[in-house]
Amino acid sequence: MQKLLFFSRVAFICNLCFVITWFMQYSPFSQQGHIISTIVVLGVGIAVFLNLVLNFLIGIAWLQKKRLWDYFPRWLIIVNFLFLIAQLIIFLT
């Protein structure tokens, strides 16, 4: 469960990069630089895949009736799931 907790925190950081990347489309940011490219790669490339795999594994653990609330903060699971829904809506439309 410790590895899953670590990856859920990493997914949260990637999801924040996803939001920053989404806002960068509509605002005049400097489109050059290593920091911007890192944020875009984390936000678009890694966030969706990691969030999908993470929520799938958490769903399997939840179906096996494991006590997730003892290992994970509730807000982290809920926020990552809401980010997944938003990512699917954005990419499928």
PDB file of N, CA and C in Angstrom:
ATOM      1  N   MET A   1       0.814  -1.203   0.000  1.00  0.00           N
ATOM      2  CA  MET A   1       0.000   0.000   0.000  1.00  0.00           C
ATOM      3  C   MET A   1       0.855   1.264   0.000  1.00  0.00           C
ATOM      4  N   GLN A   2       2.092   1.163   0.495  1.00  0.00           N
ATOM      5  CA  GLN A   2       2.949   2.338   0.521  1.00  0.00           C
ATOM      6  C   GLN A   2       3.298   2.813  -0.880  1.00  0.00           C
ATOM      7  N   LYS A   3       3.524   1.872  -1.796  1.00  0.00           N
ATOM      8  CA  LYS A   3       3.832   2.255  -3.171  1.00  0.00           C
ATOM      9  C   LYS A   3       2.627   2.911  -3.831  1.00  0.00           C
ATOM     10  N   LEU A   4       1.452   2.390  -3.538  1.00  0.00           N
ATOM     11  CA  LEU A   4       0.236   2.972  -4.106  1.00  0.00           C
ATOM     12  C   LEU A   4      -0.006   4.377  -3.550  1.00  0.00           C
ATOM     13  N   LEU A   5       0.301   4.575  -2.274  1.00  0.00           N
ATOM     14  CA  LEU A   5       0.187   5.901  -1.679  1.00  0.00           C
ATOM     15  C   LEU A   5       1.180   6.867  -2.332  1.00  0.00           C
ATOM     16  N   PHE A   6       2.401   6.400  -2.571  1.00  0.00           N
ATOM     17  CA  PHE A   6       3.403   7.235  -3.234  1.00  0.00           C
ATOM     18  C   PHE A   6       2.939   7.626  -4.632  1.00  0.00           C
ATOM     19  N   PHE A   7       2.440   6.657  -5.393  1.00  0.00           N
ATOM     20  CA  PHE A   7       2.006   6.951  -6.759  1.00  0.00           C
ATOM     21  C   PHE A   7       0.742   7.811  -6.782  1.00  0.00           C
ATOM     22  N   SER A   8      -0.087   7.723  -5.759  1.00  0.00           N
ATOM     23  CA  SER A   8      -1.251   8.603  -5.716  1.00  0.00           C
ATOM     24  C   SER A   8      -0.821  10.044  -5.458  1.00  0.00           C
ATOM     25  N   ARG A   9       0.241  10.231  -4.683  1.00  0.00           N
ATOM     26  CA  ARG A   9       0.766  11.590  -4.482  1.00  0.00           C
ATOM     27  C   ARG A   9       1.410  12.117  -5.754  1.00  0.00           C
ATOM     28  N   VAL A  10       2.137  11.248  -6.458  1.00  0.00           N
ATOM     29  CA  VAL A  10       2.739  11.649  -7.729  1.00  0.00           C
ATOM     30  C   VAL A  10       1.644  11.977  -8.738  1.00  0.00           C
ATOM     31  N   ALA A  11       0.576  11.190  -8.760  1.00  0.00           N
ATOM     32  CA  ALA A  11      -0.534  11.455  -9.668  1.00  0.00           C
ATOM     33  C   ALA A  11      -1.193  12.793  -9.338  1.00  0.00           C
ATOM     34  N   PHE A  12      -1.267  13.137  -8.068  1.00  0.00           N
ATOM     35  CA  PHE A  12      -1.842  14.430  -7.692  1.00  0.00           C
ATOM     36  C   PHE A  12      -0.991  15.576  -8.224  1.00  0.00           C
ATOM     37  N   ILE A  13       0.322  15.455  -8.118  1.00  0.00           N
ATOM     38  CA  ILE A  13       1.218  16.483  -8.647  1.00  0.00           C
ATOM     39  C   ILE A  13       1.085  16.572 -10.166  1.00  0.00           C
ATOM     40  N   CYS A  14       1.002  15.420 -10.827  1.00  0.00           N
ATOM     41  CA  CYS A  14       0.812  15.422 -12.286  1.00  0.00           C
ATOM     42  C   CYS A  14      -0.533  16.024 -12.666  1.00  0.00           C
ATOM     43  N   ASN A  15      -1.551  15.794 -11.852  1.00  0.00           N
ATOM     44  CA  ASN A  15      -2.859  16.380 -12.126  1.00  0.00           C
ATOM     45  C   ASN A  15      -2.831  17.899 -11.981  1.00  0.00           C
ATOM     46  N   LEU A  16      -2.052  18.400 -11.035  1.00  0.00           N
ATOM     47  CA  LEU A  16      -1.890  19.845 -10.927  1.00  0.00           C
ATOM     48  C   LEU A  16      -1.189  20.393 -12.165  1.00  0.00           C
ATOM     49  N   CYS A  17      -0.209  19.654 -12.678  1.00  0.00           N
ATOM     50  CA  CYS A  17       0.454  20.051 -13.925  1.00  0.00           C
ATOM     51  C   CYS A  17      -0.521  20.004 -15.095  1.00  0.00           C
ATOM     52  N   PHE A  18      -1.464  19.073 -15.061  1.00  0.00           N
ATOM     53  CA  PHE A  18      -2.501  19.006 -16.090  1.00  0.00           C
ATOM     54  C   PHE A  18      -3.350  20.268 -16.087  1.00  0.00           C
ATOM     55  N   VAL A  19      -3.721  20.737 -14.912  1.00  0.00           N
ATOM     56  CA  VAL A  19      -4.516  21.960 -14.805  1.00  0.00           C
ATOM     57  C   VAL A  19      -3.712  23.155 -15.304  1.00  0.00           C
ATOM     58  N   ILE A  20      -2.438  23.229 -14.943  1.00  0.00           N
ATOM     59  CA  ILE A  20      -1.589  24.325 -15.409  1.00  0.00           C
ATOM     60  C   ILE A  20      -1.472  24.283 -16.932  1.00  0.00           C
ATOM     61  N   THR A  21      -1.297  23.084 -17.489  1.00  0.00           N
ATOM     62  CA  THR A  21      -1.199  22.939 -18.940  1.00  0.00           C
ATOM     63  C   THR A  21      -2.492  23.368 -19.617  1.00  0.00           C
ATOM     64  N   TRP A  22      -3.613  23.021 -19.032  1.00  0.00           N
ATOM     65  CA  TRP A  22      -4.902  23.396 -19.597  1.00  0.00           C
ATOM     66  C   TRP A  22      -5.075  24.918 -19.592  1.00  0.00           C
ATOM     67  N   PHE A  23      -4.641  25.568 -18.499  1.00  0.00           N
ATOM     68  CA  PHE A  23      -4.721  27.031 -18.436  1.00  0.00           C
ATOM     69  C   PHE A  23      -3.721  27.692 -19.381  1.00  0.00           C
ATOM     70  N   MET A  24      -2.611  27.049 -19.654  1.00  0.00           N
ATOM     71  CA  MET A  24      -1.607  27.617 -20.552  1.00  0.00           C
ATOM     72  C   MET A  24      -2.135  27.737 -21.982  1.00  0.00           C
ATOM     73  N   GLN A  25      -3.104  26.933 -22.336  1.00  0.00           N
ATOM     74  CA  GLN A  25      -3.689  27.030 -23.675  1.00  0.00           C
ATOM     75  C   GLN A  25      -4.432  28.347 -23.867  1.00  0.00           C
ATOM     76  N   TYR A  26      -4.958  28.889 -22.794  1.00  0.00           N
ATOM     77  CA  TYR A  26      -5.819  30.066 -22.890  1.00  0.00           C
ATOM     78  C   TYR A  26      -5.172  31.344 -22.362  1.00  0.00           C
ATOM     79  N   SER A  27      -3.934  31.285 -21.954  1.00  0.00           N
ATOM     80  CA  SER A  27      -3.275  32.486 -21.458  1.00  0.00           C
ATOM     81  C   SER A  27      -1.905  32.627 -22.112  1.00  0.00           C
ATOM     82  N   PRO A  28      -1.422  33.837 -22.199  1.00  0.00           N
ATOM     83  CA  PRO A  28      -0.145  34.058 -22.890  1.00  0.00           C
ATOM     84  C   PRO A  28       1.064  33.749 -22.004  1.00  0.00           C
ATOM     85  N   PHE A  29       1.449  32.495 -21.942  1.00  0.00           N
ATOM     86  CA  PHE A  29       2.665  32.098 -21.240  1.00  0.00           C
ATOM     87  C   PHE A  29       3.817  32.081 -22.219  1.00  0.00           C
ATOM     88  N   SER A  30       4.989  32.143 -21.702  1.00  0.00           N
ATOM     89  CA  SER A  30       6.172  31.938 -22.544  1.00  0.00           C
ATOM     90  C   SER A  30       6.215  30.460 -22.909  1.00  0.00           C
ATOM     91  N   GLN A  31       6.092  30.149 -24.155  1.00  0.00           N
ATOM     92  CA  GLN A  31       5.981  28.762 -24.595  1.00  0.00           C
ATOM     93  C   GLN A  31       7.330  28.087 -24.748  1.00  0.00           C
ATOM     94  N   GLN A  32       8.382  28.691 -24.250  1.00  0.00           N
ATOM     95  CA  GLN A  32       9.700  28.094 -24.350  1.00  0.00           C
ATOM     96  C   GLN A  32      10.261  27.918 -22.953  1.00  0.00           C
ATOM     97  N   GLY A  33      11.146  26.972 -22.814  1.00  0.00           N
ATOM     98  CA  GLY A  33      11.805  26.781 -21.548  1.00  0.00           C
ATOM     99  C   GLY A  33      11.634  25.367 -21.030  1.00  0.00           C
ATOM    100  N   HIS A  34      12.546  25.000 -20.175  1.00  0.00           N
ATOM    101  CA  HIS A  34      12.552  23.641 -19.635  1.00  0.00           C
ATOM    102  C   HIS A  34      11.426  23.416 -18.625  1.00  0.00           C
ATOM    103  N   ILE A  35      11.096  24.430 -17.873  1.00  0.00           N
ATOM    104  CA  ILE A  35      10.050  24.266 -16.862  1.00  0.00           C
ATOM    105  C   ILE A  35       8.695  24.079 -17.533  1.00  0.00           C
ATOM    106  N   ILE A  36       8.418  24.880 -18.537  1.00  0.00           N
ATOM    107  CA  ILE A  36       7.142  24.765 -19.250  1.00  0.00           C
ATOM    108  C   ILE A  36       7.023  23.406 -19.927  1.00  0.00           C
ATOM    109  N   SER A  37       8.107  22.949 -20.553  1.00  0.00           N
ATOM    110  CA  SER A  37       8.039  21.651 -21.232  1.00  0.00           C
ATOM    111  C   SER A  37       7.889  20.510 -20.232  1.00  0.00           C
ATOM    112  N   THR A  38       8.490  20.629 -19.065  1.00  0.00           N
ATOM    113  CA  THR A  38       8.326  19.603 -18.032  1.00  0.00           C
ATOM    114  C   THR A  38       6.885  19.575 -17.533  1.00  0.00           C
ATOM    115  N   ILE A  39       6.297  20.737 -17.338  1.00  0.00           N
ATOM    116  CA  ILE A  39       4.903  20.811 -16.889  1.00  0.00           C
ATOM    117  C   ILE A  39       3.977  20.210 -17.940  1.00  0.00           C
ATOM    118  N   VAL A  40       4.235  20.478 -19.212  1.00  0.00           N
ATOM    119  CA  VAL A  40       3.390  19.934 -20.276  1.00  0.00           C
ATOM    120  C   VAL A  40       3.515  18.418 -20.342  1.00  0.00           C
ATOM    121  N   VAL A  41       4.728  17.899 -20.236  1.00  0.00           N
ATOM    122  CA  VAL A  41       4.915  16.442 -20.287  1.00  0.00           C
ATOM    123  C   VAL A  41       4.254  15.774 -19.096  1.00  0.00           C
ATOM    124  N   LEU A  42       4.428  16.334 -17.897  1.00  0.00           N
ATOM    125  CA  LEU A  42       3.780  15.762 -16.721  1.00  0.00           C
ATOM    126  C   LEU A  42       2.269  15.892 -16.797  1.00  0.00           C
ATOM    127  N   GLY A  43       1.793  17.014 -17.314  1.00  0.00           N
ATOM    128  CA  GLY A  43       0.361  17.266 -17.333  1.00  0.00           C
ATOM    129  C   GLY A  43      -0.390  16.505 -18.392  1.00  0.00           C
ATOM    130  N   VAL A  44       0.191  16.367 -19.573  1.00  0.00           N
ATOM    131  CA  VAL A  44      -0.524  15.719 -20.664  1.00  0.00           C
ATOM    132  C   VAL A  44      -0.091  14.269 -20.830  1.00  0.00           C
ATOM    133  N   GLY A  45       1.196  14.041 -20.788  1.00  0.00           N
ATOM    134  CA  GLY A  45       1.700  12.701 -21.080  1.00  0.00           C
ATOM    135  C   GLY A  45       1.562  11.718 -19.949  1.00  0.00           C
ATOM    136  N   ILE A  46       1.872  12.146 -18.749  1.00  0.00           N
ATOM    137  CA  ILE A  46       1.933  11.202 -17.642  1.00  0.00           C
ATOM    138  C   ILE A  46       0.670  11.214 -16.792  1.00  0.00           C
ATOM    139  N   ALA A  47       0.050  12.374 -16.619  1.00  0.00           N
ATOM    140  CA  ALA A  47      -1.075  12.499 -15.687  1.00  0.00           C
ATOM    141  C   ALA A  47      -2.234  11.587 -16.049  1.00  0.00           C
ATOM    142  N   VAL A  48      -2.603  11.555 -17.309  1.00  0.00           N
ATOM    143  CA  VAL A  48      -3.777  10.772 -17.714  1.00  0.00           C
ATOM    144  C   VAL A  48      -3.512   9.281 -17.523  1.00  0.00           C
ATOM    145  N   PHE A  49      -2.370   8.821 -17.998  1.00  0.00           N
ATOM    146  CA  PHE A  49      -2.044   7.399 -17.891  1.00  0.00           C
ATOM    147  C   PHE A  49      -1.892   6.977 -16.431  1.00  0.00           C
ATOM    148  N   LEU A  50      -1.140   7.748 -15.649  1.00  0.00           N
ATOM    149  CA  LEU A  50      -0.913   7.402 -14.248  1.00  0.00           C
ATOM    150  C   LEU A  50      -2.206   7.460 -13.458  1.00  0.00           C
ATOM    151  N   ASN A  51      -3.027   8.451 -13.718  1.00  0.00           N
ATOM    152  CA  ASN A  51      -4.291   8.589 -13.008  1.00  0.00           C
ATOM    153  C   ASN A  51      -5.251   7.448 -13.350  1.00  0.00           C
ATOM    154  N   LEU A  52      -5.263   7.034 -14.600  1.00  0.00           N
ATOM    155  CA  LEU A  52      -6.120   5.927 -15.014  1.00  0.00           C
ATOM    156  C   LEU A  52      -5.699   4.625 -14.332  1.00  0.00           C
ATOM    157  N   VAL A  53      -4.405   4.340 -14.339  1.00  0.00           N
ATOM    158  CA  VAL A  53      -3.891   3.114 -13.703  1.00  0.00           C
ATOM    159  C   VAL A  53      -4.106   3.163 -12.192  1.00  0.00           C
ATOM    160  N   LEU A  54      -3.843   4.309 -11.596  1.00  0.00           N
ATOM    161  CA  LEU A  54      -3.993   4.446 -10.151  1.00  0.00           C
ATOM    162  C   LEU A  54      -5.435   4.245  -9.711  1.00  0.00           C
ATOM    163  N   ASN A  55      -6.373   4.887 -10.398  1.00  0.00           N
ATOM    164  CA  ASN A  55      -7.779   4.728 -10.029  1.00  0.00           C
ATOM    165  C   ASN A  55      -8.274   3.310 -10.289  1.00  0.00           C
ATOM    166  N   PHE A  56      -7.732   2.653 -11.298  1.00  0.00           N
ATOM    167  CA  PHE A  56      -8.076   1.253 -11.543  1.00  0.00           C
ATOM    168  C   PHE A  56      -7.603   0.379 -10.383  1.00  0.00           C
ATOM    169  N   LEU A  57      -6.375   0.577  -9.930  1.00  0.00           N
ATOM    170  CA  LEU A  57      -5.847  -0.222  -8.814  1.00  0.00           C
ATOM    171  C   LEU A  57      -6.571   0.078  -7.506  1.00  0.00           C
ATOM    172  N   ILE A  58      -6.913   1.331  -7.286  1.00  0.00           N
ATOM    173  CA  ILE A  58      -7.675   1.676  -6.084  1.00  0.00           C
ATOM    174  C   ILE A  58      -9.076   1.074  -6.156  1.00  0.00           C
ATOM    175  N   GLY A  59      -9.675   1.059  -7.346  1.00  0.00           N
ATOM    176  CA  GLY A  59     -10.984   0.418  -7.511  1.00  0.00           C
ATOM    177  C   GLY A  59     -10.933  -1.070  -7.244  1.00  0.00           C
ATOM    178  N   ILE A  60      -9.862  -1.732  -7.687  1.00  0.00           N
ATOM    179  CA  ILE A  60      -9.704  -3.164  -7.403  1.00  0.00           C
ATOM    180  C   ILE A  60      -9.550  -3.396  -5.906  1.00  0.00           C
ATOM    181  N   ALA A  61      -8.742  -2.572  -5.245  1.00  0.00           N
ATOM    182  CA  ALA A  61      -8.565  -2.710  -3.798  1.00  0.00           C
ATOM    183  C   ALA A  61      -9.872  -2.440  -3.063  1.00  0.00           C
ATOM    184  N   TRP A  62     -10.653  -1.493  -3.574  1.00  0.00           N
ATOM    185  CA  TRP A  62     -11.933  -1.191  -2.947  1.00  0.00           C
ATOM    186  C   TRP A  62     -12.920  -2.344  -3.126  1.00  0.00           C
ATOM    187  N   LEU A  63     -12.903  -2.994  -4.310  1.00  0.00           N
ATOM    188  CA  LEU A  63     -13.782  -4.136  -4.546  1.00  0.00           C
ATOM    189  C   LEU A  63     -13.378  -5.347  -3.706  1.00  0.00           C
ATOM    190  N   GLN A  64     -12.104  -5.434  -3.346  1.00  0.00           N
ATOM    191  CA  GLN A  64     -11.637  -6.513  -2.474  1.00  0.00           C
ATOM    192  C   GLN A  64     -11.894  -6.204  -1.006  1.00  0.00           C
ATOM    193  N   LYS A  65     -12.581  -5.096  -0.766  1.00  0.00           N
ATOM    194  CA  LYS A  65     -12.984  -4.653   0.572  1.00  0.00           C
ATOM    195  C   LYS A  65     -11.792  -4.380   1.485  1.00  0.00           C
ATOM    196  N   LYS A  66     -10.719  -3.849   0.897  1.00  0.00           N
ATOM    197  CA  LYS A  66      -9.593  -3.415   1.709  1.00  0.00           C
ATOM    198  C   LYS A  66      -9.917  -2.052   2.297  1.00  0.00           C
ATOM    199  N   ARG A  67      -9.410  -1.798   3.455  1.00  0.00           N
ATOM    200  CA  ARG A  67      -9.684  -0.548   4.150  1.00  0.00           C
ATOM    201  C   ARG A  67      -8.737   0.532   3.642  1.00  0.00           C
ATOM    202  N   LEU A  68      -9.135   1.178   2.571  1.00  0.00           N
ATOM    203  CA  LEU A  68      -8.299   2.198   1.950  1.00  0.00           C
ATOM    204  C   LEU A  68      -8.159   3.439   2.811  1.00  0.00           C
ATOM    205  N   TRP A  69      -9.172   3.749   3.597  1.00  0.00           N
ATOM    206  CA  TRP A  69      -9.150   4.977   4.388  1.00  0.00           C
ATOM    207  C   TRP A  69      -8.087   4.908   5.476  1.00  0.00           C
ATOM    208  N   ASP A  70      -7.624   3.718   5.815  1.00  0.00           N
ATOM    209  CA  ASP A  70      -6.559   3.613   6.805  1.00  0.00           C
ATOM    210  C   ASP A  70      -5.203   3.977   6.219  1.00  0.00           C
ATOM    211  N   TYR A  71      -5.056   3.842   4.908  1.00  0.00           N
ATOM    212  CA  TYR A  71      -3.772   4.077   4.247  1.00  0.00           C
ATOM    213  C   TYR A  71      -3.729   5.394   3.478  1.00  0.00           C
ATOM    214  N   PHE A  72      -4.849   5.797   2.925  1.00  0.00           N
ATOM    215  CA  PHE A  72      -4.903   6.970   2.062  1.00  0.00           C
ATOM    216  C   PHE A  72      -5.748   8.059   2.704  1.00  0.00           C
ATOM    217  N   PRO A  73      -5.367   9.309   2.501  1.00  0.00           N
ATOM    218  CA  PRO A  73      -6.290  10.388   2.878  1.00  0.00           C
ATOM    219  C   PRO A  73      -7.488  10.383   1.927  1.00  0.00           C
ATOM    220  N   ARG A  74      -8.656  10.600   2.471  1.00  0.00           N
ATOM    221  CA  ARG A  74      -9.867  10.559   1.650  1.00  0.00           C
ATOM    222  C   ARG A  74      -9.833  11.599   0.544  1.00  0.00           C
ATOM    223  N   TRP A  75      -9.350  12.792   0.856  1.00  0.00           N
ATOM    224  CA  TRP A  75      -9.355  13.858  -0.131  1.00  0.00           C
ATOM    225  C   TRP A  75      -8.496  13.489  -1.330  1.00  0.00           C
ATOM    226  N   LEU A  76      -7.410  12.734  -1.107  1.00  0.00           N
ATOM    227  CA  LEU A  76      -6.508  12.392  -2.204  1.00  0.00           C
ATOM    228  C   LEU A  76      -7.176  11.435  -3.190  1.00  0.00           C
ATOM    229  N   ILE A  77      -7.882  10.459  -2.685  1.00  0.00           N
ATOM    230  CA  ILE A  77      -8.583   9.518  -3.560  1.00  0.00           C
ATOM    231  C   ILE A  77      -9.702  10.234  -4.328  1.00  0.00           C
ATOM    232  N   ILE A  78     -10.451  11.071  -3.633  1.00  0.00           N
ATOM    233  CA  ILE A  78     -11.572  11.763  -4.262  1.00  0.00           C
ATOM    234  C   ILE A  78     -11.081  12.752  -5.317  1.00  0.00           C
ATOM    235  N   VAL A  79     -10.045  13.515  -4.993  1.00  0.00           N
ATOM    236  CA  VAL A  79      -9.540  14.517  -5.933  1.00  0.00           C
ATOM    237  C   VAL A  79      -8.930  13.845  -7.159  1.00  0.00           C
ATOM    238  N   ASN A  80      -8.172  12.763  -6.969  1.00  0.00           N
ATOM    239  CA  ASN A  80      -7.612  12.063  -8.124  1.00  0.00           C
ATOM    240  C   ASN A  80      -8.705  11.488  -9.011  1.00  0.00           C
ATOM    241  N   PHE A  81      -9.783  10.997  -8.413  1.00  0.00           N
ATOM    242  CA  PHE A  81     -10.892  10.480  -9.204  1.00  0.00           C
ATOM    243  C   PHE A  81     -11.598  11.598  -9.971  1.00  0.00           C
ATOM    244  N   LEU A  82     -11.777  12.738  -9.332  1.00  0.00           N
ATOM    245  CA  LEU A  82     -12.411  13.870 -10.022  1.00  0.00           C
ATOM    246  C   LEU A  82     -11.537  14.379 -11.161  1.00  0.00           C
ATOM    247  N   PHE A  83     -10.219  14.374 -10.958  1.00  0.00           N
ATOM    248  CA  PHE A  83      -9.315  14.747 -12.039  1.00  0.00           C
ATOM    249  C   PHE A  83      -9.418  13.758 -13.193  1.00  0.00           C
ATOM    250  N   LEU A  84      -9.580  12.480 -12.895  1.00  0.00           N
ATOM    251  CA  LEU A  84      -9.720  11.483 -13.950  1.00  0.00           C
ATOM    252  C   LEU A  84     -10.971  11.738 -14.773  1.00  0.00           C
ATOM    253  N   ILE A  85     -12.063  12.047 -14.114  1.00  0.00           N
ATOM    254  CA  ILE A  85     -13.299  12.340 -14.831  1.00  0.00           C
ATOM    255  C   ILE A  85     -13.116  13.567 -15.734  1.00  0.00           C
ATOM    256  N   ALA A  86     -12.480  14.605 -15.192  1.00  0.00           N
ATOM    257  CA  ALA A  86     -12.240  15.809 -15.994  1.00  0.00           C
ATOM    258  C   ALA A  86     -11.321  15.526 -17.169  1.00  0.00           C
ATOM    259  N   GLN A  87     -10.295  14.718 -16.963  1.00  0.00           N
ATOM    260  CA  GLN A  87      -9.371  14.381 -18.048  1.00  0.00           C
ATOM    261  C   GLN A  87     -10.064  13.584 -19.136  1.00  0.00           C
ATOM    262  N   LEU A  88     -10.907  12.648 -18.748  1.00  0.00           N
ATOM    263  CA  LEU A  88     -11.630  11.867 -19.743  1.00  0.00           C
ATOM    264  C   LEU A  88     -12.599  12.737 -20.537  1.00  0.00           C
ATOM    265  N   ILE A  89     -13.246  13.676 -19.855  1.00  0.00           N
ATOM    266  CA  ILE A  89     -14.156  14.575 -20.565  1.00  0.00           C
ATOM    267  C   ILE A  89     -13.400  15.447 -21.546  1.00  0.00           C
ATOM    268  N   ILE A  90     -12.270  15.974 -21.129  1.00  0.00           N
ATOM    269  CA  ILE A  90     -11.487  16.855 -22.000  1.00  0.00           C
ATOM    270  C   ILE A  90     -10.929  16.096 -23.191  1.00  0.00           C
ATOM    271  N   PHE A  91     -10.404  14.895 -22.966  1.00  0.00           N
ATOM    272  CA  PHE A  91      -9.785  14.172 -24.071  1.00  0.00           C
ATOM    273  C   PHE A  91     -10.776  13.466 -24.995  1.00  0.00           C
ATOM    274  N   LEU A  92     -11.957  13.160 -24.491  1.00  0.00           N
ATOM    275  CA  LEU A  92     -12.930  12.479 -25.328  1.00  0.00           C
ATOM    276  C   LEU A  92     -13.861  13.425 -26.065  1.00  0.00           C
ATOM    277  N   THR A  93     -13.789  14.706 -25.755  1.00  0.00           N
ATOM    278  CA  THR A  93     -14.636  15.664 -26.490  1.00  0.00           C
ATOM    279  C   THR A  93     -13.847  16.411 -27.520  1.00  0.00           C
TER     280      THR A  93
END
